[in-house]
Amino acid sequence: GPMEGFWGILKRERYYGRRFTSKKELVQMIRHYIHYYNTRRVQRNLGVLTPMEKHELYRAA
């Protein structure tokens, strides 16, 4: 489903090929990526909008 797709994208874009020195560093990267994914990463299946932009359009309708 959608969550499996999200984690696959995160691993491909930010995890593979990188070494983390601590669990804290890994968790921080995941938190930053979630914010980036929701507010800055446009998606074709959302009409080239970010998830947050799509959400705001839905709420305004």
PDB file of N, CA and C in Angstrom:
ATOM      1  N   GLY A   1       0.804  -1.185   0.000  1.00  0.00           N
ATOM      2  CA  GLY A   1       0.000   0.000   0.000  1.00  0.00           C
ATOM      3  C   GLY A   1       0.855   1.260   0.000  1.00  0.00           C
ATOM      4  N   PRO A   2       0.213   2.369   0.277  1.00  0.00           N
ATOM      5  CA  PRO A   2       0.904   3.659   0.251  1.00  0.00           C
ATOM      6  C   PRO A   2       2.087   3.756   1.218  1.00  0.00           C
ATOM      7  N   MET A   3       1.953   3.186   2.415  1.00  0.00           N
ATOM      8  CA  MET A   3       3.061   3.283   3.377  1.00  0.00           C
ATOM      9  C   MET A   3       4.276   2.486   2.920  1.00  0.00           C
ATOM     10  N   GLU A   4       4.046   1.335   2.318  1.00  0.00           N
ATOM     11  CA  GLU A   4       5.170   0.554   1.802  1.00  0.00           C
ATOM     12  C   GLU A   4       5.881   1.340   0.711  1.00  0.00           C
ATOM     13  N   GLY A   5       5.105   2.028  -0.128  1.00  0.00           N
ATOM     14  CA  GLY A   5       5.688   2.864  -1.170  1.00  0.00           C
ATOM     15  C   GLY A   5       6.511   3.999  -0.591  1.00  0.00           C
ATOM     16  N   PHE A   6       5.984   4.644   0.452  1.00  0.00           N
ATOM     17  CA  PHE A   6       6.710   5.736   1.105  1.00  0.00           C
ATOM     18  C   PHE A   6       8.052   5.259   1.643  1.00  0.00           C
ATOM     19  N   TRP A   7       8.049   4.133   2.373  1.00  0.00           N
ATOM     20  CA  TRP A   7       9.297   3.641   2.960  1.00  0.00           C
ATOM     21  C   TRP A   7      10.290   3.231   1.875  1.00  0.00           C
ATOM     22  N   GLY A   8       9.796   2.688   0.773  1.00  0.00           N
ATOM     23  CA  GLY A   8      10.679   2.347  -0.343  1.00  0.00           C
ATOM     24  C   GLY A   8      11.337   3.579  -0.928  1.00  0.00           C
ATOM     25  N   ILE A   9      10.565   4.659  -1.086  1.00  0.00           N
ATOM     26  CA  ILE A   9      11.114   5.914  -1.606  1.00  0.00           C
ATOM     27  C   ILE A   9      12.137   6.481  -0.632  1.00  0.00           C
ATOM     28  N   LEU A  10      11.801   6.495   0.656  1.00  0.00           N
ATOM     29  CA  LEU A  10      12.730   7.006   1.666  1.00  0.00           C
ATOM     30  C   LEU A  10      14.048   6.237   1.623  1.00  0.00           C
ATOM     31  N   LYS A  11      13.970   4.927   1.588  1.00  0.00           N
ATOM     32  CA  LYS A  11      15.200   4.120   1.565  1.00  0.00           C
ATOM     33  C   LYS A  11      16.018   4.402   0.321  1.00  0.00           C
ATOM     34  N   ARG A  12      15.365   4.504  -0.818  1.00  0.00           N
ATOM     35  CA  ARG A  12      16.068   4.751  -2.074  1.00  0.00           C
ATOM     36  C   ARG A  12      16.706   6.147  -2.093  1.00  0.00           C
ATOM     37  N   GLU A  13      15.998   7.154  -1.595  1.00  0.00           N
ATOM     38  CA  GLU A  13      16.483   8.528  -1.680  1.00  0.00           C
ATOM     39  C   GLU A  13      17.417   8.931  -0.543  1.00  0.00           C
ATOM     40  N   ARG A  14      17.271   8.321   0.645  1.00  0.00           N
ATOM     41  CA  ARG A  14      18.032   8.817   1.794  1.00  0.00           C
ATOM     42  C   ARG A  14      18.771   7.762   2.629  1.00  0.00           C
ATOM     43  N   TYR A  15      18.479   6.482   2.423  1.00  0.00           N
ATOM     44  CA  TYR A  15      19.041   5.471   3.320  1.00  0.00           C
ATOM     45  C   TYR A  15      20.145   4.645   2.676  1.00  0.00           C
ATOM     46  N   TYR A  16      19.866   4.055   1.518  1.00  0.00           N
ATOM     47  CA  TYR A  16      20.846   3.168   0.890  1.00  0.00           C
ATOM     48  C   TYR A  16      22.136   3.919   0.570  1.00  0.00           C
ATOM     49  N   GLY A  17      23.253   3.290   0.876  1.00  0.00           N
ATOM     50  CA  GLY A  17      24.555   3.878   0.604  1.00  0.00           C
ATOM     51  C   GLY A  17      25.023   4.862   1.658  1.00  0.00           C
ATOM     52  N   ARG A  18      24.291   4.964   2.741  1.00  0.00           N
ATOM     53  CA  ARG A  18      24.650   5.910   3.796  1.00  0.00           C
ATOM     54  C   ARG A  18      24.815   5.164   5.110  1.00  0.00           C
ATOM     55  N   ARG A  19      25.742   5.616   5.920  1.00  0.00           N
ATOM     56  CA  ARG A  19      25.949   5.020   7.248  1.00  0.00           C
ATOM     57  C   ARG A  19      25.516   6.014   8.310  1.00  0.00           C
ATOM     58  N   PHE A  20      24.785   5.537   9.274  1.00  0.00           N
ATOM     59  CA  PHE A  20      24.339   6.374  10.379  1.00  0.00           C
ATOM     60  C   PHE A  20      25.151   6.009  11.612  1.00  0.00           C
ATOM     61  N   THR A  21      25.576   7.023  12.342  1.00  0.00           N
ATOM     62  CA  THR A  21      26.434   6.783  13.500  1.00  0.00           C
ATOM     63  C   THR A  21      25.643   6.431  14.752  1.00  0.00           C
ATOM     64  N   SER A  22      24.331   6.697  14.729  1.00  0.00           N
ATOM     65  CA  SER A  22      23.508   6.387  15.897  1.00  0.00           C
ATOM     66  C   SER A  22      22.047   6.245  15.486  1.00  0.00           C
ATOM     67  N   LYS A  23      21.285   5.643  16.371  1.00  0.00           N
ATOM     68  CA  LYS A  23      19.844   5.531  16.150  1.00  0.00           C
ATOM     69  C   LYS A  23      19.224   6.929  16.111  1.00  0.00           C
ATOM     70  N   LYS A  24      19.728   7.824  16.944  1.00  0.00           N
ATOM     71  CA  LYS A  24      19.232   9.199  16.993  1.00  0.00           C
ATOM     72  C   LYS A  24      19.399   9.885  15.638  1.00  0.00           C
ATOM     73  N   GLU A  25      20.545   9.693  15.008  1.00  0.00           N
ATOM     74  CA  GLU A  25      20.796  10.283  13.695  1.00  0.00           C
ATOM     75  C   GLU A  25      19.819   9.722  12.655  1.00  0.00           C
ATOM     76  N   LEU A  26      19.570   8.431  12.703  1.00  0.00           N
ATOM     77  CA  LEU A  26      18.628   7.797  11.777  1.00  0.00           C
ATOM     78  C   LEU A  26      17.214   8.333  11.982  1.00  0.00           C
ATOM     79  N   VAL A  27      16.770   8.420  13.227  1.00  0.00           N
ATOM     80  CA  VAL A  27      15.429   8.931  13.525  1.00  0.00           C
ATOM     81  C   VAL A  27      15.302  10.384  13.070  1.00  0.00           C
ATOM     82  N   GLN A  28      16.339  11.177  13.277  1.00  0.00           N
ATOM     83  CA  GLN A  28      16.322  12.576  12.843  1.00  0.00           C
ATOM     84  C   GLN A  28      16.198  12.666  11.322  1.00  0.00           C
ATOM     85  N   MET A  29      16.928  11.830  10.597  1.00  0.00           N
ATOM     86  CA  MET A  29      16.838  11.822   9.143  1.00  0.00           C
ATOM     87  C   MET A  29      15.417  11.471   8.705  1.00  0.00           C
ATOM     88  N   ILE A  30      14.809  10.472   9.342  1.00  0.00           N
ATOM     89  CA  ILE A  30      13.451  10.068   8.984  1.00  0.00           C
ATOM     90  C   ILE A  30      12.469  11.204   9.241  1.00  0.00           C
ATOM     91  N   ARG A  31      12.593  11.872  10.377  1.00  0.00           N
ATOM     92  CA  ARG A  31      11.703  13.002  10.682  1.00  0.00           C
ATOM     93  C   ARG A  31      11.844  14.114   9.649  1.00  0.00           C
ATOM     94  N   HIS A  32      13.077  14.456   9.304  1.00  0.00           N
ATOM     95  CA  HIS A  32      13.306  15.497   8.298  1.00  0.00           C
ATOM     96  C   HIS A  32      12.748  15.075   6.946  1.00  0.00           C
ATOM     97  N   TYR A  33      12.926  13.808   6.603  1.00  0.00           N
ATOM     98  CA  TYR A  33      12.431  13.339   5.315  1.00  0.00           C
ATOM     99  C   TYR A  33      10.907  13.374   5.264  1.00  0.00           C
ATOM    100  N   ILE A  34      10.240  12.999   6.340  1.00  0.00           N
ATOM    101  CA  ILE A  34       8.773  13.051   6.369  1.00  0.00           C
ATOM    102  C   ILE A  34       8.299  14.485   6.135  1.00  0.00           C
ATOM    103  N   HIS A  35       8.943  15.449   6.785  1.00  0.00           N
ATOM    104  CA  HIS A  35       8.578  16.855   6.577  1.00  0.00           C
ATOM    105  C   HIS A  35       8.814  17.257   5.120  1.00  0.00           C
ATOM    106  N   TYR A  36       9.972  16.911   4.581  1.00  0.00           N
ATOM    107  CA  TYR A  36      10.286  17.202   3.176  1.00  0.00           C
ATOM    108  C   TYR A  36       9.259  16.547   2.252  1.00  0.00           C
ATOM    109  N   TYR A  37       8.965  15.295   2.476  1.00  0.00           N
ATOM    110  CA  TYR A  37       8.048  14.529   1.625  1.00  0.00           C
ATOM    111  C   TYR A  37       6.665  15.179   1.601  1.00  0.00           C
ATOM    112  N   ASN A  38       6.202  15.623   2.748  1.00  0.00           N
ATOM    113  CA  ASN A  38       4.857  16.189   2.835  1.00  0.00           C
ATOM    114  C   ASN A  38       4.759  17.628   2.353  1.00  0.00           C
ATOM    115  N   THR A  39       5.846  18.387   2.435  1.00  0.00           N
ATOM    116  CA  THR A  39       5.759  19.820   2.147  1.00  0.00           C
ATOM    117  C   THR A  39       6.522  20.285   0.918  1.00  0.00           C
ATOM    118  N   ARG A  40       7.476  19.491   0.405  1.00  0.00           N
ATOM    119  CA  ARG A  40       8.297  19.974  -0.704  1.00  0.00           C
ATOM    120  C   ARG A  40       8.414  19.018  -1.882  1.00  0.00           C
ATOM    121  N   ARG A  41       8.197  17.736  -1.676  1.00  0.00           N
ATOM    122  CA  ARG A  41       8.383  16.743  -2.742  1.00  0.00           C
ATOM    123  C   ARG A  41       7.096  16.592  -3.549  1.00  0.00           C
ATOM    124  N   VAL A  42       7.100  17.126  -4.779  1.00  0.00           N
ATOM    125  CA  VAL A  42       5.906  17.030  -5.619  1.00  0.00           C
ATOM    126  C   VAL A  42       5.740  15.607  -6.136  1.00  0.00           C
ATOM    127  N   GLN A  43       4.485  15.238  -6.375  1.00  0.00           N
ATOM    128  CA  GLN A  43       4.168  13.891  -6.829  1.00  0.00           C
ATOM    129  C   GLN A  43       3.245  13.964  -8.039  1.00  0.00           C
ATOM    130  N   ARG A  44       3.598  13.237  -9.064  1.00  0.00           N
ATOM    131  CA  ARG A  44       2.785  13.219 -10.284  1.00  0.00           C
ATOM    132  C   ARG A  44       1.368  12.730 -10.029  1.00  0.00           C
ATOM    133  N   ASN A  45       1.232  11.711  -9.198  1.00  0.00           N
ATOM    134  CA  ASN A  45      -0.110  11.155  -8.955  1.00  0.00           C
ATOM    135  C   ASN A  45      -1.006  12.107  -8.162  1.00  0.00           C
ATOM    136  N   LEU A  46      -0.444  13.194  -7.659  1.00  0.00           N
ATOM    137  CA  LEU A  46      -1.237  14.224  -6.976  1.00  0.00           C
ATOM    138  C   LEU A  46      -1.376  15.472  -7.845  1.00  0.00           C
ATOM    139  N   GLY A  47      -1.112  15.334  -9.132  1.00  0.00           N
ATOM    140  CA  GLY A  47      -1.216  16.474 -10.035  1.00  0.00           C
ATOM    141  C   GLY A  47      -0.042  17.424  -9.923  1.00  0.00           C
ATOM    142  N   VAL A  48       1.135  16.885  -9.678  1.00  0.00           N
ATOM    143  CA  VAL A  48       2.389  17.633  -9.503  1.00  0.00           C
ATOM    144  C   VAL A  48       2.252  18.629  -8.343  1.00  0.00           C
ATOM    145  N   LEU A  49       1.657  18.149  -7.263  1.00  0.00           N
ATOM    146  CA  LEU A  49       1.531  18.903  -6.019  1.00  0.00           C
ATOM    147  C   LEU A  49       2.217  18.128  -4.909  1.00  0.00           C
ATOM    148  N   THR A  50       2.492  18.807  -3.808  1.00  0.00           N
ATOM    149  CA  THR A  50       2.964  18.100  -2.620  1.00  0.00           C
ATOM    150  C   THR A  50       1.745  17.526  -1.898  1.00  0.00           C
ATOM    151  N   PRO A  51       1.936  16.542  -1.027  1.00  0.00           N
ATOM    152  CA  PRO A  51       0.796  16.039  -0.261  1.00  0.00           C
ATOM    153  C   PRO A  51       0.089  17.145   0.535  1.00  0.00           C
ATOM    154  N   MET A  52       0.846  18.085   1.083  1.00  0.00           N
ATOM    155  CA  MET A  52       0.237  19.169   1.851  1.00  0.00           C
ATOM    156  C   MET A  52      -0.587  20.092   0.952  1.00  0.00           C
ATOM    157  N   GLU A  53      -0.084  20.396  -0.237  1.00  0.00           N
ATOM    158  CA  GLU A  53      -0.849  21.219  -1.176  1.00  0.00           C
ATOM    159  C   GLU A  53      -2.149  20.525  -1.563  1.00  0.00           C
ATOM    160  N   LYS A  54      -2.082  19.240  -1.832  1.00  0.00           N
ATOM    161  CA  LYS A  54      -3.281  18.469  -2.191  1.00  0.00           C
ATOM    162  C   LYS A  54      -4.279  18.466  -1.034  1.00  0.00           C
ATOM    163  N   HIS A  55      -3.782  18.300   0.164  1.00  0.00           N
ATOM    164  CA  HIS A  55      -4.630  18.312   1.355  1.00  0.00           C
ATOM    165  C   HIS A  55      -5.335  19.665   1.502  1.00  0.00           C
ATOM    166  N   GLU A  56      -4.592  20.742   1.309  1.00  0.00           N
ATOM    167  CA  GLU A  56      -5.183  22.081   1.428  1.00  0.00           C
ATOM    168  C   GLU A  56      -6.252  22.312   0.361  1.00  0.00           C
ATOM    169  N   LEU A  57      -6.012  21.849  -0.865  1.00  0.00           N
ATOM    170  CA  LEU A  57      -7.025  21.974  -1.918  1.00  0.00           C
ATOM    171  C   LEU A  57      -8.284  21.189  -1.561  1.00  0.00           C
ATOM    172  N   TYR A  58      -8.097  19.999  -1.011  1.00  0.00           N
ATOM    173  CA  TYR A  58      -9.224  19.159  -0.606  1.00  0.00           C
ATOM    174  C   TYR A  58     -10.037  19.843   0.496  1.00  0.00           C
ATOM    175  N   ARG A  59      -9.333  20.426   1.458  1.00  0.00           N
ATOM    176  CA  ARG A  59     -10.012  21.106   2.568  1.00  0.00           C
ATOM    177  C   ARG A  59     -10.772  22.339   2.103  1.00  0.00           C
ATOM    178  N   ALA A  60     -10.241  23.030   1.090  1.00  0.00           N
ATOM    179  CA  ALA A  60     -10.869  24.256   0.593  1.00  0.00           C
ATOM    180  C   ALA A  60     -12.113  23.974  -0.249  1.00  0.00           C
ATOM    181  N   ALA A  61     -12.235  22.755  -0.748  1.00  0.00           N
ATOM    182  CA  ALA A  61     -13.372  22.426  -1.636  1.00  0.00           C
ATOM    183  C   ALA A  61     -14.675  22.279  -0.890  1.00  0.00           C
TER     184      ALA A  61
END
